[in-house]
Amino acid sequence: MLPRTPLLTSASLSDAGLLTHVEQGREWPLLVWAPGPGVRMVSSAVLGGGIGTRAWVLNAQVPPGYDRSDPEAHLRELASGAGLSGPGVGLMTAASVADRRHAADGGVRAVVTAGIGVRGWAAAPGPGTVAAPRPGTINIIVSVPVALTDAALVNAVATATEAKTQALVELGADASGTPTDAVCVAAPSPTGHAAGPFAGVPAEPFAGPRSLWGARLARAVHRATRAACEGLLA
């Protein structure tokens, strides 16, 4: 089990800590970022998805073939074991969390973990499935230092996804992603929790790839995704 010691909070995603948890008799990495209160996040994660105030993010590596039917409950257990409380975002991946890659651009930070053994194009033929998805393979976590409106948060997810796909195409992956990719974008609450030069600045209404903050987000995600994936295509 994880040590039940509360983590020191840090506003910077670059300070995300690497812990371990035990699954199937073996230790697996667990990436934890706890920026504390006053942060809103948008995510497609198993735990804490949607838009809302969140105090932490964890990205848990699990064994290949992970088949637990209660991933949300499992993530809550891992969060509790790491000393995390309150609402948060929990992601899973069978890819190496220890091999995470960081990138930053103009105050935006991105962390990407990746495995691309199963990949393809989004608009592929086939009926799809209603089965629960397996743990995500390319997991993207982004922090933006300025508040974003709800629309801009959704826009930021789209921009991050575009940047991920650009990186994959540049690397020759012949794919737009994997079937289980997940994204989490964090930004200060519009109610005035932004720090430093951004304190009191109104929430940004846009985060598309040619907006000021969307462009920075895109470049950070692009570099982190390239770095995470480039050694996986040999």
Protein backbone atom coordinates (compact mmCIF):
# COMPACT_ATOMS: atom_id res chain seq x y z
CA MET A 1 0.00 0.00 0.00
CA LEU A 2 0.97 3.62 -0.39
CA PRO A 3 2.27 5.60 2.59
CA ARG A 4 -0.60 7.53 4.15
CA THR A 5 1.43 10.72 4.44
CA PRO A 6 -0.16 13.89 3.02
CA LEU A 7 1.78 15.26 0.08
CA LEU A 8 3.17 18.76 0.09
CA THR A 9 1.08 20.79 -2.29
CA SER A 10 2.73 22.66 -5.14
CA ALA A 11 1.22 24.99 -7.70
CA SER A 12 3.76 23.85 -10.31
CA LEU A 13 3.05 20.76 -12.36
CA SER A 14 6.81 20.29 -12.67
CA ASP A 15 6.80 19.35 -8.97
CA ALA A 16 4.49 16.36 -9.47
CA GLY A 17 5.74 13.53 -7.27
CA LEU A 18 6.35 9.90 -8.15
CA LEU A 19 5.08 7.37 -5.60
CA THR A 20 4.34 3.65 -5.91
CA HIS A 21 1.39 1.36 -5.33
CA VAL A 22 1.09 -2.41 -5.27
CA GLU A 23 -1.00 -4.34 -7.79
CA GLN A 24 -0.81 -8.09 -8.46
CA GLY A 25 2.07 -8.40 -6.01
CA ARG A 26 4.31 -5.82 -7.71
CA GLU A 27 5.03 -2.14 -7.23
CA TRP A 28 3.86 0.27 -9.95
CA PRO A 29 4.54 4.02 -10.29
CA LEU A 30 1.93 6.61 -9.36
CA LEU A 31 2.36 10.22 -10.49
CA VAL A 32 0.72 12.73 -8.15
CA TRP A 33 0.25 16.48 -8.49
CA ALA A 34 -1.53 18.36 -5.72
CA PRO A 35 -1.87 22.07 -6.57
CA GLY A 36 -4.30 22.59 -3.70
CA PRO A 37 -7.59 24.51 -3.64
CA GLY A 38 -8.71 27.17 -6.08
CA VAL A 39 -8.03 25.16 -9.25
CA ARG A 40 -10.57 24.17 -11.89
CA MET A 41 -9.97 21.24 -14.17
CA VAL A 42 -11.53 19.75 -17.26
CA SER A 43 -10.85 16.09 -17.89
CA SER A 44 -11.93 12.95 -19.68
CA ALA A 45 -10.50 10.88 -16.81
CA VAL A 46 -12.12 7.84 -15.21
CA LEU A 47 -12.30 9.66 -11.87
CA GLY A 48 -13.22 13.34 -11.60
CA GLY A 49 -13.99 13.83 -15.28
CA GLY A 50 -15.93 16.81 -16.60
CA ILE A 51 -15.42 20.41 -15.41
CA GLY A 52 -15.14 21.37 -11.77
CA THR A 53 -12.97 22.38 -8.84
CA ARG A 54 -10.32 19.75 -8.18
CA ALA A 55 -7.44 19.69 -5.67
CA TRP A 56 -5.21 16.99 -7.15
CA VAL A 57 -4.40 14.77 -10.13
CA LEU A 58 -2.98 11.26 -10.11
CA ASN A 59 -1.85 9.11 -13.01
CA ALA A 60 -1.57 5.48 -11.98
CA GLN A 61 0.35 2.85 -13.92
CA VAL A 62 -1.36 -0.53 -13.76
CA PRO A 63 -0.34 -3.97 -15.09
CA PRO A 64 -0.92 -4.89 -18.74
CA GLY A 65 -4.24 -6.65 -19.00
CA TYR A 66 -5.67 -4.75 -16.02
CA ASP A 67 -9.22 -6.05 -15.69
CA ARG A 68 -10.67 -4.66 -12.48
CA SER A 69 -14.32 -3.73 -12.99
CA ASP A 70 -14.16 -0.83 -10.51
CA PRO A 71 -11.43 1.54 -11.80
CA GLU A 72 -13.08 4.60 -10.25
CA ALA A 73 -13.17 3.00 -6.81
CA HIS A 74 -9.62 1.75 -7.30
CA LEU A 75 -8.39 5.26 -8.10
CA ARG A 76 -10.14 6.59 -4.98
CA GLU A 77 -8.29 3.99 -2.92
CA LEU A 78 -4.97 5.03 -4.45
CA ALA A 79 -5.71 8.70 -3.81
CA SER A 80 -6.59 8.02 -0.18
CA GLY A 81 -3.44 5.96 0.27
CA ALA A 82 -1.39 8.88 -1.07
CA GLY A 83 -2.89 11.21 1.51
CA LEU A 84 -5.15 12.99 -0.97
CA SER A 85 -8.63 14.12 0.03
CA GLY A 86 -11.49 15.99 -1.54
CA PRO A 87 -12.34 16.03 -5.24
CA GLY A 88 -9.59 15.20 -7.72
CA VAL A 89 -8.83 13.67 -11.10
CA GLY A 90 -7.61 10.10 -11.51
CA LEU A 91 -6.15 8.63 -14.70
CA MET A 92 -4.83 5.15 -15.45
CA THR A 93 -2.35 3.80 -17.96
CA ALA A 94 -0.52 0.60 -18.78
CA ALA A 95 2.32 2.74 -20.16
CA SER A 96 5.39 3.66 -18.12
CA VAL A 97 4.59 6.50 -15.73
CA ALA A 98 8.23 6.70 -14.62
CA ASP A 99 9.13 7.64 -18.22
CA ARG A 100 6.91 10.72 -18.14
CA ARG A 101 8.01 13.73 -20.19
CA HIS A 102 7.70 17.41 -19.27
CA ALA A 103 7.55 20.52 -21.45
CA ALA A 104 6.78 24.18 -20.79
CA ASP A 105 5.97 27.23 -22.88
CA GLY A 106 5.24 30.73 -21.59
CA GLY A 107 3.93 29.55 -18.21
CA VAL A 108 2.00 26.55 -19.53
CA ARG A 109 3.30 23.16 -18.40
CA ALA A 110 2.54 19.70 -19.75
CA VAL A 111 3.31 16.19 -18.55
CA VAL A 112 2.73 13.23 -20.88
CA THR A 113 2.95 9.49 -20.31
CA ALA A 114 2.68 7.35 -23.42
CA GLY A 115 2.42 3.91 -24.87
CA ILE A 116 1.37 3.58 -28.51
CA GLY A 117 1.38 -0.15 -29.14
CA VAL A 118 -2.34 0.02 -29.93
CA ARG A 119 -3.02 3.09 -32.06
CA GLY A 120 -5.07 4.20 -35.04
CA TRP A 121 -7.16 6.92 -36.63
CA ALA A 122 -10.20 8.33 -34.88
CA ALA A 123 -12.49 7.96 -37.91
CA ALA A 124 -11.69 4.30 -38.50
CA PRO A 125 -14.47 1.99 -39.76
CA GLY A 126 -16.22 -0.26 -37.29
CA PRO A 127 -19.15 -0.14 -34.87
CA GLY A 128 -17.19 0.77 -31.76
CA THR A 129 -17.97 -0.78 -28.39
CA VAL A 130 -20.01 -0.09 -25.27
CA ALA A 131 -17.55 -1.95 -23.06
CA ALA A 132 -15.65 -0.06 -20.39
CA PRO A 133 -12.41 1.34 -21.83
CA ARG A 134 -9.07 -0.09 -20.81
CA PRO A 135 -6.56 2.13 -18.98
CA GLY A 136 -5.47 5.13 -21.06
CA THR A 137 -2.29 4.96 -23.11
CA ILE A 138 -1.39 8.57 -23.87
CA ASN A 139 -2.29 10.58 -20.79
CA ILE A 140 -1.84 14.35 -20.96
CA ILE A 141 -1.87 16.66 -17.93
CA VAL A 142 -1.60 20.41 -18.52
CA SER A 143 -1.50 23.41 -16.21
CA VAL A 144 -2.29 26.93 -17.41
CA PRO A 145 -1.45 29.89 -15.11
CA VAL A 146 -4.53 31.96 -16.05
CA ALA A 147 -8.22 31.36 -15.44
CA LEU A 148 -10.23 29.94 -18.36
CA THR A 149 -13.95 30.07 -19.00
CA ASP A 150 -15.83 26.80 -19.39
CA ALA A 151 -15.73 27.22 -23.16
CA ALA A 152 -11.98 27.87 -23.09
CA LEU A 153 -11.41 24.79 -20.94
CA VAL A 154 -13.20 22.65 -23.52
CA ASN A 155 -11.25 24.45 -26.26
CA ALA A 156 -8.02 23.63 -24.40
CA VAL A 157 -8.82 19.91 -24.51
CA ALA A 158 -9.34 20.12 -28.26
CA THR A 159 -6.09 22.05 -28.68
CA ALA A 160 -4.15 19.52 -26.60
CA THR A 161 -5.60 16.70 -28.71
CA GLU A 162 -4.62 18.45 -31.95
CA ALA A 163 -1.08 18.96 -30.65
CA LYS A 164 -0.84 15.29 -29.63
CA THR A 165 -1.94 14.18 -33.08
CA GLN A 166 0.53 16.55 -34.76
CA ALA A 167 3.35 15.01 -32.73
CA LEU A 168 2.29 11.47 -33.67
CA VAL A 169 2.05 12.30 -37.38
CA GLU A 170 5.47 14.00 -37.34
CA LEU A 171 6.93 10.86 -35.77
CA GLY A 172 5.43 8.68 -38.49
CA ALA A 173 2.96 6.89 -36.23
CA ASP A 174 0.22 6.89 -38.91
CA ALA A 175 -2.38 7.47 -36.19
CA SER A 176 -4.33 10.22 -34.45
CA GLY A 177 -3.95 8.58 -31.05
CA THR A 178 -4.86 5.44 -29.16
CA PRO A 179 -8.39 4.26 -28.30
CA THR A 180 -7.95 5.10 -24.62
CA ASP A 181 -6.14 8.45 -24.47
CA ALA A 182 -7.10 10.86 -21.68
CA VAL A 183 -6.59 14.58 -21.05
CA CYS A 184 -6.67 16.85 -17.99
CA VAL A 185 -6.27 20.64 -18.17
CA ALA A 186 -5.99 22.67 -14.95
CA ALA A 187 -6.35 26.44 -14.52
CA PRO A 188 -6.95 28.83 -11.62
CA SER A 189 -10.53 29.49 -10.60
CA PRO A 190 -12.00 32.66 -12.17
CA THR A 191 -12.85 33.86 -8.66
CA GLY A 192 -9.38 35.30 -8.12
CA HIS A 193 -7.01 32.49 -7.15
CA ALA A 194 -4.50 33.12 -9.93
CA ALA A 195 -1.09 34.03 -8.55
CA GLY A 196 1.55 36.62 -9.38
CA PRO A 197 1.01 38.78 -12.47
CA PHE A 198 -2.24 36.97 -13.32
CA ALA A 199 -4.04 37.74 -10.03
CA GLY A 200 -7.37 39.40 -10.74
CA VAL A 201 -7.11 38.95 -14.51
CA PRO A 202 -10.49 38.02 -16.06
CA ALA A 203 -10.90 34.46 -17.30
CA GLU A 204 -9.60 33.91 -20.83
CA PRO A 205 -12.47 33.13 -23.24
CA PHE A 206 -10.36 31.30 -25.85
CA ALA A 207 -7.82 28.48 -25.86
CA GLY A 208 -7.69 27.53 -29.52
CA PRO A 209 -4.29 26.87 -31.10
CA ARG A 210 -3.88 30.45 -32.38
CA SER A 211 -5.00 32.16 -29.16
CA LEU A 212 -2.26 33.38 -26.80
CA TRP A 213 -2.65 30.65 -24.19
CA GLY A 214 -3.85 27.97 -26.58
CA ALA A 215 -0.72 28.38 -28.69
CA ARG A 216 1.45 27.98 -25.62
CA LEU A 217 -0.53 24.94 -24.51
CA ALA A 218 -0.24 23.39 -27.97
CA ARG A 219 3.53 23.82 -28.09
CA ALA A 220 4.01 22.38 -24.59
CA VAL A 221 1.80 19.35 -25.28
CA HIS A 222 3.40 18.83 -28.69
CA ARG A 223 6.94 18.75 -27.27
CA ALA A 224 6.03 16.54 -24.32
CA THR A 225 4.14 14.10 -26.55
CA ARG A 226 6.98 13.90 -29.07
CA ALA A 227 9.47 13.27 -26.28
CA ALA A 228 7.24 10.59 -24.73
CA CYS A 229 6.53 8.79 -28.02
CA GLU A 230 9.65 9.14 -30.13
CA GLY A 231 11.42 6.14 -28.63
CA LEU A 232 8.37 3.89 -29.01
CA LEU A 233 8.28 3.63 -32.81
CA ALA A 234 11.49 1.69 -33.43
